[in-house]
N, C-alpha and C. Protein backbone atom coordinates (compact mmCIF):
# COMPACT_ATOMS: atom_id res chain seq x y z
N MET A 1 -40.85 -2.33 65.48
CA MET A 1 -42.29 -2.39 65.69
C MET A 1 -42.57 -2.24 67.18
N LEU A 2 -43.58 -1.45 67.49
CA LEU A 2 -44.04 -1.30 68.87
C LEU A 2 -45.31 -2.12 69.05
N ILE A 3 -45.45 -2.69 70.23
CA ILE A 3 -46.63 -3.48 70.57
C ILE A 3 -47.17 -2.96 71.89
N GLY A 4 -48.47 -2.76 71.94
CA GLY A 4 -49.13 -2.36 73.17
C GLY A 4 -50.24 -3.34 73.47
N SER A 5 -50.50 -3.53 74.76
CA SER A 5 -51.60 -4.43 75.13
C SER A 5 -52.34 -3.86 76.33
N CYS A 6 -53.61 -4.25 76.40
CA CYS A 6 -54.44 -3.82 77.52
C CYS A 6 -54.00 -4.55 78.79
N HIS A 7 -54.59 -4.20 79.91
CA HIS A 7 -54.21 -4.78 81.18
C HIS A 7 -54.45 -6.28 81.26
N CYS A 8 -55.58 -6.73 80.72
CA CYS A 8 -55.90 -8.17 80.81
C CYS A 8 -55.27 -8.98 79.68
N GLY A 9 -54.73 -8.32 78.65
CA GLY A 9 -54.05 -9.01 77.57
C GLY A 9 -54.95 -9.52 76.45
N LYS A 10 -56.23 -9.23 76.50
CA LYS A 10 -57.14 -9.73 75.47
C LYS A 10 -57.13 -8.89 74.19
N THR A 11 -56.70 -7.63 74.30
CA THR A 11 -56.64 -6.76 73.13
C THR A 11 -55.29 -6.08 73.08
N GLY A 12 -54.96 -5.57 71.92
CA GLY A 12 -53.69 -4.87 71.79
C GLY A 12 -53.59 -4.20 70.44
N TRP A 13 -52.42 -3.65 70.18
CA TRP A 13 -52.16 -2.98 68.90
C TRP A 13 -50.70 -3.17 68.53
N THR A 14 -50.42 -2.99 67.26
CA THR A 14 -49.04 -2.94 66.78
C THR A 14 -48.90 -1.69 65.92
N LEU A 15 -47.72 -1.11 65.97
CA LEU A 15 -47.37 0.04 65.14
C LEU A 15 -46.03 -0.26 64.51
N LYS A 16 -46.03 -0.40 63.20
CA LYS A 16 -44.80 -0.70 62.47
C LYS A 16 -44.05 0.59 62.15
N GLY A 17 -42.74 0.53 62.27
CA GLY A 17 -41.91 1.68 61.92
C GLY A 17 -41.78 2.70 63.02
N ASP A 18 -41.15 3.80 62.68
CA ASP A 18 -40.89 4.88 63.62
C ASP A 18 -42.20 5.59 63.98
N PRO A 19 -42.54 5.65 65.27
CA PRO A 19 -43.79 6.31 65.65
C PRO A 19 -43.72 7.83 65.56
N GLY A 20 -42.53 8.38 65.41
CA GLY A 20 -42.40 9.84 65.38
C GLY A 20 -42.66 10.43 66.75
N SER A 21 -43.01 11.70 66.77
CA SER A 21 -43.32 12.31 68.06
C SER A 21 -44.71 11.88 68.49
N ILE A 22 -44.93 11.92 69.78
CA ILE A 22 -46.16 11.46 70.41
C ILE A 22 -46.99 12.69 70.79
N THR A 23 -48.30 12.57 70.71
CA THR A 23 -49.16 13.71 71.02
C THR A 23 -49.87 13.54 72.36
N ALA A 24 -49.79 14.58 73.17
CA ALA A 24 -50.60 14.71 74.39
C ALA A 24 -51.62 15.80 74.09
N CYS A 25 -52.87 15.47 74.21
CA CYS A 25 -53.96 16.40 73.89
C CYS A 25 -54.74 16.73 75.16
N ASN A 26 -55.26 17.93 75.22
CA ASN A 26 -56.01 18.35 76.41
C ASN A 26 -57.51 18.46 76.16
N CYS A 27 -58.02 17.80 75.08
CA CYS A 27 -59.45 17.86 74.83
C CYS A 27 -60.21 17.15 75.95
N THR A 28 -61.51 17.26 75.93
CA THR A 28 -62.31 16.70 77.03
C THR A 28 -62.19 15.18 77.14
N LEU A 29 -61.89 14.48 76.06
CA LEU A 29 -61.69 13.04 76.13
C LEU A 29 -60.27 12.69 76.55
N CYS A 30 -59.29 13.20 75.81
CA CYS A 30 -57.89 12.80 76.02
C CYS A 30 -57.39 13.12 77.42
N ARG A 31 -57.79 14.27 77.96
CA ARG A 31 -57.29 14.60 79.30
C ARG A 31 -57.87 13.65 80.34
N ARG A 32 -59.05 13.13 80.11
CA ARG A 32 -59.63 12.17 81.04
C ARG A 32 -58.99 10.79 80.90
N TYR A 33 -58.68 10.42 79.66
CA TYR A 33 -58.05 9.12 79.42
C TYR A 33 -56.56 9.12 79.77
N GLY A 34 -55.92 10.26 79.69
CA GLY A 34 -54.49 10.33 79.95
C GLY A 34 -53.67 9.67 78.86
N ALA A 35 -54.22 9.57 77.66
CA ALA A 35 -53.57 8.87 76.56
C ALA A 35 -52.45 9.70 75.94
N LEU A 36 -51.49 8.99 75.36
CA LEU A 36 -50.44 9.58 74.54
C LEU A 36 -50.55 8.90 73.18
N TRP A 37 -50.74 9.68 72.12
CA TRP A 37 -51.11 9.13 70.83
C TRP A 37 -49.96 9.08 69.83
N ALA A 38 -49.88 7.96 69.10
CA ALA A 38 -49.00 7.81 67.94
C ALA A 38 -49.92 7.53 66.75
N TYR A 39 -49.68 8.19 65.62
CA TYR A 39 -50.63 8.22 64.50
C TYR A 39 -50.18 7.44 63.27
N ASP A 40 -51.15 6.97 62.56
CA ASP A 40 -50.99 6.46 61.20
C ASP A 40 -52.39 6.21 60.64
N TYR A 41 -52.53 5.13 59.87
CA TYR A 41 -53.80 4.83 59.22
C TYR A 41 -54.19 3.38 59.49
N GLU A 42 -55.47 3.15 59.61
CA GLU A 42 -56.00 1.80 59.83
C GLU A 42 -55.60 0.89 58.67
N GLY A 43 -55.09 -0.29 59.01
CA GLY A 43 -54.72 -1.27 58.01
C GLY A 43 -53.40 -0.99 57.32
N GLU A 44 -52.70 0.06 57.72
CA GLU A 44 -51.38 0.34 57.16
C GLU A 44 -50.34 0.00 58.21
N ARG A 45 -49.80 0.98 58.93
CA ARG A 45 -48.80 0.68 59.95
C ARG A 45 -49.42 0.31 61.29
N ILE A 46 -50.71 0.58 61.46
CA ILE A 46 -51.40 0.28 62.72
C ILE A 46 -52.37 -0.86 62.53
N SER A 47 -52.35 -1.79 63.49
CA SER A 47 -53.41 -2.81 63.54
C SER A 47 -53.80 -3.04 65.00
N VAL A 48 -55.07 -3.31 65.19
CA VAL A 48 -55.63 -3.58 66.52
C VAL A 48 -56.10 -5.03 66.53
N THR A 49 -55.85 -5.73 67.63
CA THR A 49 -56.24 -7.13 67.74
C THR A 49 -57.13 -7.32 68.97
N GLY A 50 -57.98 -8.33 68.90
CA GLY A 50 -58.83 -8.69 70.03
C GLY A 50 -60.15 -7.98 70.00
N PRO A 51 -61.06 -8.42 70.89
CA PRO A 51 -62.40 -7.83 70.93
C PRO A 51 -62.39 -6.44 71.56
N THR A 52 -62.94 -5.47 70.85
CA THR A 52 -62.99 -4.11 71.37
C THR A 52 -64.43 -3.62 71.42
N ALA A 53 -64.63 -2.64 72.24
CA ALA A 53 -65.87 -1.88 72.27
C ALA A 53 -65.50 -0.47 71.84
N SER A 54 -66.48 0.36 71.55
CA SER A 54 -66.16 1.71 71.10
C SER A 54 -67.07 2.73 71.76
N TYR A 55 -66.57 3.95 71.76
CA TYR A 55 -67.33 5.08 72.28
C TYR A 55 -67.14 6.24 71.30
N ALA A 56 -68.22 6.88 70.93
CA ALA A 56 -68.18 8.11 70.15
C ALA A 56 -68.95 9.17 70.92
N ARG A 57 -68.47 10.38 70.88
CA ARG A 57 -69.13 11.48 71.58
C ARG A 57 -70.57 11.61 71.12
N ALA A 58 -71.41 12.09 72.00
CA ALA A 58 -72.82 12.29 71.68
C ALA A 58 -73.00 13.65 71.01
N GLU A 59 -72.43 13.79 69.83
CA GLU A 59 -72.55 15.01 69.05
C GLU A 59 -73.37 14.69 67.81
N LYS A 60 -73.76 15.71 67.10
CA LYS A 60 -74.51 15.49 65.87
C LYS A 60 -73.68 14.67 64.87
N GLN A 61 -72.42 15.02 64.74
CA GLN A 61 -71.53 14.31 63.83
C GLN A 61 -70.16 14.15 64.48
N PRO A 62 -70.00 13.17 65.37
CA PRO A 62 -68.69 12.98 65.98
C PRO A 62 -67.67 12.61 64.91
N SER A 63 -66.42 13.02 65.11
CA SER A 63 -65.39 12.79 64.10
C SER A 63 -64.57 11.53 64.35
N LEU A 64 -64.60 11.02 65.57
CA LEU A 64 -63.81 9.83 65.87
C LEU A 64 -64.49 8.97 66.92
N GLU A 65 -64.01 7.75 67.02
CA GLU A 65 -64.46 6.86 68.08
C GLU A 65 -63.25 6.35 68.83
N ILE A 66 -63.44 6.10 70.11
CA ILE A 66 -62.41 5.54 70.97
C ILE A 66 -62.63 4.04 71.03
N LEU A 67 -61.57 3.27 70.81
CA LEU A 67 -61.65 1.81 70.94
C LEU A 67 -61.02 1.41 72.26
N PHE A 68 -61.69 0.55 73.00
CA PHE A 68 -61.17 0.10 74.28
C PHE A 68 -61.44 -1.38 74.45
N CYS A 69 -60.70 -2.01 75.36
CA CYS A 69 -60.88 -3.42 75.63
C CYS A 69 -62.25 -3.64 76.25
N SER A 70 -63.00 -4.58 75.70
CA SER A 70 -64.34 -4.84 76.23
C SER A 70 -64.30 -5.60 77.55
N SER A 71 -63.11 -6.04 77.97
CA SER A 71 -62.98 -6.75 79.23
C SER A 71 -62.45 -5.85 80.36
N CYS A 72 -61.27 -5.23 80.14
CA CYS A 72 -60.67 -4.42 81.21
C CYS A 72 -60.81 -2.91 81.00
N ALA A 73 -61.32 -2.50 79.85
CA ALA A 73 -61.64 -1.10 79.53
C ALA A 73 -60.43 -0.20 79.27
N ASN A 74 -59.23 -0.75 79.10
CA ASN A 74 -58.09 0.10 78.72
C ASN A 74 -58.33 0.70 77.34
N VAL A 75 -58.02 1.99 77.20
CA VAL A 75 -58.16 2.68 75.93
C VAL A 75 -57.02 2.27 75.01
N LEU A 76 -57.37 1.67 73.87
CA LEU A 76 -56.38 1.19 72.90
C LEU A 76 -56.03 2.25 71.87
N SER A 77 -57.06 2.87 71.28
CA SER A 77 -56.82 3.72 70.13
C SER A 77 -58.04 4.59 69.86
N TRP A 78 -57.88 5.46 68.90
CA TRP A 78 -59.03 6.13 68.31
C TRP A 78 -58.93 5.95 66.81
N ARG A 79 -60.06 6.04 66.14
CA ARG A 79 -60.06 6.01 64.68
C ARG A 79 -61.12 6.96 64.16
N GLY A 80 -60.82 7.54 63.04
CA GLY A 80 -61.74 8.48 62.41
C GLY A 80 -63.01 7.77 61.96
N LEU A 81 -64.12 8.44 62.06
CA LEU A 81 -65.39 7.87 61.62
C LEU A 81 -65.65 8.12 60.14
N ARG A 82 -64.88 9.01 59.54
CA ARG A 82 -65.02 9.28 58.12
C ARG A 82 -63.68 9.05 57.42
N LEU A 83 -63.76 8.52 56.23
CA LEU A 83 -62.55 8.33 55.44
C LEU A 83 -62.03 9.67 54.96
N GLN A 84 -60.72 9.75 54.80
CA GLN A 84 -60.14 10.95 54.22
C GLN A 84 -60.35 10.94 52.71
N LYS A 85 -60.01 12.03 52.06
CA LYS A 85 -60.22 12.14 50.62
C LYS A 85 -59.54 11.03 49.84
N ASP A 86 -58.42 10.53 50.35
CA ASP A 86 -57.69 9.46 49.66
C ASP A 86 -58.22 8.06 50.01
N GLY A 87 -59.31 7.99 50.79
CA GLY A 87 -59.91 6.71 51.13
C GLY A 87 -59.32 6.03 52.36
N ARG A 88 -58.35 6.66 52.99
CA ARG A 88 -57.70 6.09 54.17
C ARG A 88 -58.41 6.58 55.43
N ARG A 89 -58.31 5.77 56.50
CA ARG A 89 -58.92 6.12 57.79
C ARG A 89 -57.81 6.43 58.79
N ARG A 90 -57.81 7.66 59.29
CA ARG A 90 -56.81 8.10 60.28
C ARG A 90 -57.05 7.33 61.57
N MET A 91 -55.95 7.02 62.26
CA MET A 91 -56.03 6.24 63.49
C MET A 91 -54.85 6.59 64.38
N ALA A 92 -55.01 6.40 65.66
CA ALA A 92 -53.91 6.60 66.60
C ALA A 92 -53.99 5.53 67.67
N VAL A 93 -52.82 5.12 68.17
CA VAL A 93 -52.77 4.14 69.26
C VAL A 93 -52.26 4.82 70.52
N ASN A 94 -52.69 4.30 71.65
CA ASN A 94 -52.32 4.84 72.95
C ASN A 94 -50.98 4.25 73.39
N LEU A 95 -49.94 5.08 73.35
CA LEU A 95 -48.59 4.63 73.69
C LEU A 95 -48.43 4.26 75.16
N ARG A 96 -49.38 4.62 75.98
CA ARG A 96 -49.30 4.23 77.39
C ARG A 96 -49.46 2.72 77.58
N LEU A 97 -49.87 2.01 76.54
CA LEU A 97 -50.01 0.55 76.63
C LEU A 97 -48.76 -0.17 76.16
N ALA A 98 -47.75 0.56 75.75
CA ALA A 98 -46.48 -0.02 75.30
C ALA A 98 -45.53 -0.17 76.50
N PRO A 99 -44.54 -1.06 76.40
CA PRO A 99 -43.53 -1.16 77.47
C PRO A 99 -42.81 0.18 77.64
N PRO A 100 -42.76 0.71 78.85
CA PRO A 100 -42.18 2.04 79.08
C PRO A 100 -40.76 2.21 78.54
N ASP A 101 -39.92 1.19 78.66
CA ASP A 101 -38.54 1.35 78.20
C ASP A 101 -38.44 1.51 76.68
N LEU A 102 -39.44 1.08 75.93
CA LEU A 102 -39.39 1.20 74.47
C LEU A 102 -39.89 2.54 73.96
N VAL A 103 -40.61 3.28 74.80
CA VAL A 103 -41.17 4.57 74.35
C VAL A 103 -40.70 5.75 75.19
N ALA A 104 -39.90 5.51 76.21
CA ALA A 104 -39.51 6.55 77.17
C ALA A 104 -38.86 7.76 76.53
N ASP A 105 -38.08 7.57 75.46
CA ASP A 105 -37.34 8.68 74.86
C ASP A 105 -38.07 9.37 73.71
N LEU A 106 -39.27 8.96 73.40
CA LEU A 106 -40.01 9.59 72.30
C LEU A 106 -40.46 11.00 72.69
N PRO A 107 -40.23 11.98 71.82
CA PRO A 107 -40.62 13.36 72.14
C PRO A 107 -42.14 13.51 72.12
N ILE A 108 -42.62 14.43 72.93
CA ILE A 108 -44.06 14.69 73.03
C ILE A 108 -44.39 16.04 72.41
N ASP A 109 -45.39 16.03 71.53
CA ASP A 109 -45.99 17.26 71.03
C ASP A 109 -47.26 17.49 71.82
N HIS A 110 -47.53 18.73 72.15
CA HIS A 110 -48.75 19.07 72.88
C HIS A 110 -49.74 19.70 71.91
N PHE A 111 -50.99 19.26 71.99
CA PHE A 111 -52.03 19.74 71.11
C PHE A 111 -53.18 20.30 71.94
N ASP A 112 -53.58 21.51 71.62
CA ASP A 112 -54.68 22.15 72.34
C ASP A 112 -56.00 21.79 71.65
N GLY A 113 -56.52 20.62 72.01
CA GLY A 113 -57.79 20.17 71.47
C GLY A 113 -58.98 20.74 72.22
N LEU A 114 -58.73 21.50 73.26
CA LEU A 114 -59.80 22.07 74.08
C LEU A 114 -60.24 23.45 73.57
N ASP A 115 -59.27 24.31 73.30
CA ASP A 115 -59.61 25.69 72.95
C ASP A 115 -59.30 26.07 71.50
N THR A 116 -58.02 25.99 71.11
CA THR A 116 -57.61 26.54 69.81
C THR A 116 -57.54 25.52 68.70
N PHE A 117 -57.47 24.24 69.02
CA PHE A 117 -57.30 23.16 68.04
C PHE A 117 -56.02 23.35 67.24
N GLU A 118 -54.96 23.77 67.94
CA GLU A 118 -53.66 24.01 67.32
C GLU A 118 -52.56 23.35 68.13
N ASP A 119 -51.44 23.08 67.46
CA ASP A 119 -50.26 22.57 68.15
C ASP A 119 -49.72 23.65 69.07
N LEU A 120 -49.20 23.24 70.21
CA LEU A 120 -48.59 24.17 71.15
C LEU A 120 -47.07 24.09 70.99
N PRO A 121 -46.35 25.11 71.41
CA PRO A 121 -44.88 25.09 71.29
C PRO A 121 -44.29 23.90 72.05
N SER A 122 -43.25 23.32 71.49
CA SER A 122 -42.58 22.19 72.15
C SER A 122 -41.91 22.66 73.43
N ASP A 123 -41.98 21.83 74.45
CA ASP A 123 -41.30 22.16 75.71
C ASP A 123 -40.14 21.20 75.98
N GLY A 124 -39.82 20.35 75.00
CA GLY A 124 -38.67 19.47 75.12
C GLY A 124 -38.90 18.20 75.93
N ARG A 125 -40.11 17.99 76.42
CA ARG A 125 -40.37 16.79 77.22
C ARG A 125 -40.56 15.57 76.33
N CYS A 126 -40.31 14.41 76.92
CA CYS A 126 -40.56 13.15 76.23
C CYS A 126 -41.42 12.27 77.14
N VAL A 127 -41.77 11.08 76.66
CA VAL A 127 -42.71 10.22 77.38
C VAL A 127 -42.24 9.98 78.81
N ARG A 128 -40.96 9.74 79.03
CA ARG A 128 -40.46 9.46 80.38
C ARG A 128 -40.81 10.59 81.35
N ASP A 129 -40.84 11.81 80.86
CA ASP A 129 -41.13 12.96 81.73
C ASP A 129 -42.57 12.98 82.22
N LEU A 130 -43.46 12.34 81.52
CA LEU A 130 -44.86 12.29 81.96
C LEU A 130 -45.17 11.04 82.77
N TRP A 131 -44.29 10.05 82.71
CA TRP A 131 -44.55 8.77 83.39
C TRP A 131 -43.87 8.64 84.73
N PHE A 132 -42.68 9.21 84.86
CA PHE A 132 -41.85 8.87 86.04
C PHE A 132 -41.59 10.07 86.91
């Protein structure tokens, strides 16, 4: 199990099981936050604890909201605003809030959320390559 916490320690998340590869996205939100995402579903392998605030883009129908600590403003996760067909809610946690030694070797997938909305070819980098 991985555990991440905000800077002040009032909020955090847990992710049970293998997080798989981590996503770095270049969309207008993710590139500003500098987040690295690990995915699952709300109430399944991912849980968020503590008081959070949220932000959703000012679009006609935003697809997700960003959850952050209402005290120190660290970005914890995002969650879908609409349920999937199976009734589950997609969610991701920000791996940058986890202890570096526990996530350093996880491979990174790059996603072009800015232009093509497609996965980009793997370049072999892992979390340690973006942190150190």
